[in-house]
Amino acid sequence: MDHEKILQEAISQSKNPSDVPKVETLHQNLAHMTVALKELETRLIRVTNKMNRLNIVDRDEFVVPLAECVFLIKNKISETEKSINKFIK
C-alpha cells in the first residue's frame, strides 16, 4: 500500500482542497478492506476445502462466520466507493 500514491490520487481527485484528507482516508480504508477481504476469501476457501477433504457435514460453524465476514466487507467496500464519489470531481 503506497500512502504517497494514495495522497496524490486524493489531491488530483478532490473537488475542494478541504476534501483531500477525506478522500485520502476513504482510499486508505478501501485499500485496507481489500487486503482483509482477500485474506478472508482465501481462508474461506481453505476451510471449505478442509471440510470437504475430511467429509465434515456439519460445517456451518466453521464456514458461515467467514462467509458472513466476506459479505459484510464487500458491502462496506461498495459503500466506501459511493462515499468517495461524493468528494471527487
N, C-alpha and C. Protein backbone atom coordinates (compact mmCIF):
# COMPACT_ATOMS: atom_id res chain seq x y z
N MET A 1 0.85 -1.16 0.00
CA MET A 1 0.00 0.00 0.00
C MET A 1 0.90 1.23 0.00
N ASP A 2 0.72 2.05 -1.01
CA ASP A 2 1.55 3.23 -1.18
C ASP A 2 0.77 4.47 -0.74
N HIS A 3 1.04 4.91 0.49
CA HIS A 3 0.29 6.04 1.05
C HIS A 3 0.55 7.34 0.28
N GLU A 4 1.76 7.50 -0.22
CA GLU A 4 2.06 8.71 -1.01
C GLU A 4 1.25 8.71 -2.31
N LYS A 5 1.15 7.57 -2.94
CA LYS A 5 0.35 7.46 -4.17
C LYS A 5 -1.13 7.74 -3.88
N ILE A 6 -1.61 7.23 -2.76
CA ILE A 6 -3.00 7.48 -2.36
C ILE A 6 -3.22 8.97 -2.12
N LEU A 7 -2.27 9.62 -1.48
CA LEU A 7 -2.38 11.06 -1.23
C LEU A 7 -2.42 11.83 -2.54
N GLN A 8 -1.54 11.49 -3.46
CA GLN A 8 -1.51 12.18 -4.76
C GLN A 8 -2.82 11.97 -5.52
N GLU A 9 -3.36 10.78 -5.43
CA GLU A 9 -4.64 10.49 -6.07
C GLU A 9 -5.74 11.33 -5.44
N ALA A 10 -5.72 11.44 -4.13
CA ALA A 10 -6.73 12.25 -3.43
C ALA A 10 -6.62 13.72 -3.83
N ILE A 11 -5.41 14.21 -3.95
CA ILE A 11 -5.21 15.60 -4.34
C ILE A 11 -5.76 15.85 -5.74
N SER A 12 -5.50 14.91 -6.65
CA SER A 12 -5.95 15.10 -8.04
C SER A 12 -7.46 14.88 -8.20
N GLN A 13 -8.08 14.12 -7.33
CA GLN A 13 -9.50 13.80 -7.47
C GLN A 13 -10.43 14.74 -6.73
N SER A 14 -9.98 15.33 -5.67
CA SER A 14 -10.87 16.09 -4.78
C SER A 14 -11.45 17.33 -5.44
N LYS A 15 -12.74 17.54 -5.21
CA LYS A 15 -13.42 18.74 -5.71
C LYS A 15 -12.84 19.98 -5.06
N ASN A 16 -12.63 19.90 -3.75
CA ASN A 16 -12.13 21.03 -2.97
C ASN A 16 -10.88 20.60 -2.21
N PRO A 17 -9.94 21.51 -2.00
CA PRO A 17 -8.75 21.15 -1.23
C PRO A 17 -9.09 20.65 0.18
N SER A 18 -10.17 21.14 0.75
CA SER A 18 -10.54 20.68 2.09
C SER A 18 -11.04 19.23 2.11
N ASP A 19 -11.35 18.71 0.92
CA ASP A 19 -11.80 17.32 0.82
C ASP A 19 -10.66 16.31 0.69
N VAL A 20 -9.45 16.79 0.47
CA VAL A 20 -8.31 15.88 0.26
C VAL A 20 -8.15 14.88 1.40
N PRO A 21 -8.15 15.30 2.68
CA PRO A 21 -8.00 14.31 3.75
C PRO A 21 -9.14 13.29 3.79
N LYS A 22 -10.33 13.73 3.43
CA LYS A 22 -11.47 12.82 3.41
C LYS A 22 -11.29 11.75 2.32
N VAL A 23 -10.94 12.20 1.12
CA VAL A 23 -10.75 11.28 0.00
C VAL A 23 -9.56 10.35 0.29
N GLU A 24 -8.50 10.91 0.83
CA GLU A 24 -7.33 10.10 1.16
C GLU A 24 -7.70 9.00 2.17
N THR A 25 -8.42 9.38 3.21
CA THR A 25 -8.82 8.43 4.24
C THR A 25 -9.72 7.33 3.66
N LEU A 26 -10.66 7.72 2.83
CA LEU A 26 -11.56 6.73 2.23
C LEU A 26 -10.78 5.76 1.32
N HIS A 27 -9.82 6.30 0.56
CA HIS A 27 -8.99 5.43 -0.29
C HIS A 27 -8.14 4.49 0.58
N GLN A 28 -7.61 4.99 1.67
CA GLN A 28 -6.83 4.13 2.57
C GLN A 28 -7.72 3.05 3.17
N ASN A 29 -8.94 3.43 3.57
CA ASN A 29 -9.88 2.45 4.10
C ASN A 29 -10.16 1.36 3.07
N LEU A 30 -10.37 1.78 1.82
CA LEU A 30 -10.61 0.81 0.75
C LEU A 30 -9.44 -0.16 0.60
N ALA A 31 -8.24 0.38 0.65
CA ALA A 31 -7.06 -0.46 0.50
C ALA A 31 -6.97 -1.49 1.61
N HIS A 32 -7.20 -1.06 2.84
CA HIS A 32 -7.14 -1.99 3.97
C HIS A 32 -8.26 -3.02 3.92
N MET A 33 -9.46 -2.57 3.54
CA MET A 33 -10.59 -3.51 3.45
C MET A 33 -10.35 -4.53 2.34
N THR A 34 -9.74 -4.11 1.25
CA THR A 34 -9.47 -5.02 0.14
C THR A 34 -8.47 -6.10 0.56
N VAL A 35 -7.44 -5.70 1.29
CA VAL A 35 -6.47 -6.68 1.79
C VAL A 35 -7.17 -7.67 2.73
N ALA A 36 -7.98 -7.16 3.64
CA ALA A 36 -8.71 -8.03 4.57
C ALA A 36 -9.65 -8.96 3.83
N LEU A 37 -10.32 -8.44 2.81
CA LEU A 37 -11.25 -9.25 2.02
C LEU A 37 -10.52 -10.42 1.37
N LYS A 38 -9.38 -10.15 0.77
CA LYS A 38 -8.63 -11.21 0.10
C LYS A 38 -8.17 -12.27 1.10
N GLU A 39 -7.76 -11.84 2.27
CA GLU A 39 -7.34 -12.79 3.30
C GLU A 39 -8.52 -13.65 3.76
N LEU A 40 -9.67 -13.04 3.96
CA LEU A 40 -10.85 -13.79 4.38
C LEU A 40 -11.36 -14.72 3.30
N GLU A 41 -11.33 -14.27 2.05
CA GLU A 41 -11.75 -15.14 0.95
C GLU A 41 -10.83 -16.36 0.85
N THR A 42 -9.55 -16.14 1.01
CA THR A 42 -8.58 -17.25 0.99
C THR A 42 -8.85 -18.20 2.13
N ARG A 43 -9.09 -17.67 3.31
CA ARG A 43 -9.37 -18.51 4.48
C ARG A 43 -10.66 -19.30 4.27
N LEU A 44 -11.68 -18.67 3.72
CA LEU A 44 -12.94 -19.35 3.45
C LEU A 44 -12.74 -20.53 2.50
N ILE A 45 -11.97 -20.34 1.47
CA ILE A 45 -11.68 -21.42 0.51
C ILE A 45 -10.93 -22.55 1.20
N ARG A 46 -9.94 -22.19 2.01
CA ARG A 46 -9.15 -23.22 2.69
C ARG A 46 -10.00 -24.03 3.67
N VAL A 47 -10.85 -23.34 4.42
CA VAL A 47 -11.71 -24.04 5.38
C VAL A 47 -12.71 -24.93 4.64
N THR A 48 -13.29 -24.41 3.57
CA THR A 48 -14.24 -25.21 2.80
C THR A 48 -13.56 -26.45 2.24
N ASN A 49 -12.38 -26.29 1.69
CA ASN A 49 -11.64 -27.44 1.17
C ASN A 49 -11.32 -28.45 2.26
N LYS A 50 -10.96 -27.96 3.43
CA LYS A 50 -10.66 -28.85 4.56
C LYS A 50 -11.91 -29.64 4.97
N MET A 51 -13.04 -28.96 5.06
CA MET A 51 -14.28 -29.63 5.42
C MET A 51 -14.64 -30.70 4.39
N ASN A 52 -14.43 -30.37 3.12
CA ASN A 52 -14.69 -31.35 2.05
C ASN A 52 -13.73 -32.54 2.15
N ARG A 53 -12.47 -32.24 2.34
CA ARG A 53 -11.45 -33.29 2.41
C ARG A 53 -11.69 -34.24 3.57
N LEU A 54 -12.16 -33.70 4.70
CA LEU A 54 -12.39 -34.51 5.90
C LEU A 54 -13.83 -35.02 5.98
N ASN A 55 -14.60 -34.74 4.95
CA ASN A 55 -16.01 -35.17 4.89
C ASN A 55 -16.80 -34.72 6.11
N ILE A 56 -16.59 -33.50 6.54
CA ILE A 56 -17.33 -32.94 7.67
C ILE A 56 -18.62 -32.35 7.12
N VAL A 57 -19.73 -32.90 7.55
CA VAL A 57 -21.03 -32.49 7.04
C VAL A 57 -21.55 -31.26 7.77
N ASP A 58 -21.43 -31.25 9.08
CA ASP A 58 -21.90 -30.14 9.89
C ASP A 58 -20.82 -29.05 9.91
N ARG A 59 -20.77 -28.23 8.87
CA ARG A 59 -19.68 -27.28 8.71
C ARG A 59 -20.07 -25.83 8.92
N ASP A 60 -21.34 -25.59 9.23
CA ASP A 60 -21.81 -24.20 9.33
C ASP A 60 -21.01 -23.37 10.31
N GLU A 61 -20.70 -23.91 11.47
CA GLU A 61 -19.99 -23.10 12.47
C GLU A 61 -18.57 -22.75 12.03
N PHE A 62 -18.06 -23.47 11.04
CA PHE A 62 -16.71 -23.22 10.54
C PHE A 62 -16.72 -22.30 9.32
N VAL A 63 -17.75 -22.42 8.50
CA VAL A 63 -17.79 -21.72 7.22
C VAL A 63 -18.64 -20.45 7.25
N VAL A 64 -19.78 -20.50 7.89
CA VAL A 64 -20.73 -19.39 7.85
C VAL A 64 -20.14 -18.08 8.41
N PRO A 65 -19.44 -18.09 9.54
CA PRO A 65 -18.89 -16.81 10.02
C PRO A 65 -17.93 -16.16 9.02
N LEU A 66 -17.13 -16.97 8.35
CA LEU A 66 -16.21 -16.43 7.35
C LEU A 66 -16.99 -15.88 6.15
N ALA A 67 -17.99 -16.62 5.71
CA ALA A 67 -18.80 -16.17 4.57
C ALA A 67 -19.53 -14.86 4.90
N GLU A 68 -20.01 -14.74 6.12
CA GLU A 68 -20.67 -13.50 6.54
C GLU A 68 -19.70 -12.33 6.56
N CYS A 69 -18.47 -12.58 7.00
CA CYS A 69 -17.45 -11.52 7.01
C CYS A 69 -17.13 -11.07 5.59
N VAL A 70 -16.99 -12.02 4.67
CA VAL A 70 -16.73 -11.68 3.28
C VAL A 70 -17.86 -10.82 2.73
N PHE A 71 -19.09 -11.23 2.99
CA PHE A 71 -20.26 -10.48 2.52
C PHE A 71 -20.26 -9.06 3.10
N LEU A 72 -20.01 -8.95 4.39
CA LEU A 72 -20.02 -7.64 5.05
C LEU A 72 -18.94 -6.72 4.49
N ILE A 73 -17.74 -7.23 4.34
CA ILE A 73 -16.66 -6.38 3.83
C ILE A 73 -16.94 -5.96 2.39
N LYS A 74 -17.47 -6.85 1.57
CA LYS A 74 -17.82 -6.47 0.20
C LYS A 74 -18.83 -5.34 0.20
N ASN A 75 -19.81 -5.41 1.08
CA ASN A 75 -20.80 -4.33 1.17
C ASN A 75 -20.17 -3.02 1.64
N LYS A 76 -19.28 -3.10 2.59
CA LYS A 76 -18.64 -1.89 3.11
C LYS A 76 -17.69 -1.28 2.07
N ILE A 77 -17.06 -2.11 1.26
CA ILE A 77 -16.23 -1.60 0.17
C ILE A 77 -17.12 -0.82 -0.80
N SER A 78 -18.26 -1.38 -1.13
CA SER A 78 -19.19 -0.71 -2.04
C SER A 78 -19.66 0.62 -1.46
N GLU A 79 -20.00 0.63 -0.19
CA GLU A 79 -20.44 1.88 0.46
C GLU A 79 -19.33 2.92 0.46
N THR A 80 -18.11 2.49 0.70
CA THR A 80 -16.97 3.41 0.73
C THR A 80 -16.72 3.99 -0.65
N GLU A 81 -16.84 3.17 -1.68
CA GLU A 81 -16.68 3.67 -3.04
C GLU A 81 -17.73 4.74 -3.35
N LYS A 82 -18.94 4.53 -2.88
CA LYS A 82 -20.00 5.53 -3.08
C LYS A 82 -19.68 6.81 -2.31
N SER A 83 -19.11 6.68 -1.13
CA SER A 83 -18.74 7.85 -0.34
C SER A 83 -17.66 8.67 -1.04
N ILE A 84 -16.71 7.99 -1.64
CA ILE A 84 -15.65 8.70 -2.36
C ILE A 84 -16.25 9.55 -3.47
N ASN A 85 -17.25 9.01 -4.15
CA ASN A 85 -17.85 9.73 -5.27
C ASN A 85 -18.47 11.06 -4.86
N LYS A 86 -18.81 11.22 -3.58
CA LYS A 86 -19.37 12.50 -3.11
C LYS A 86 -18.33 13.61 -3.09
N PHE A 87 -17.05 13.22 -3.01
CA PHE A 87 -15.99 14.21 -2.81
C PHE A 87 -15.09 14.41 -4.03
N ILE A 88 -15.28 13.61 -5.07
CA ILE A 88 -14.37 13.74 -6.22
C ILE A 88 -15.01 14.49 -7.37
N LYS A 89 -14.16 14.93 -8.27
CA LYS A 89 -14.60 15.73 -9.44
C LYS A 89 -15.47 14.91 -10.36
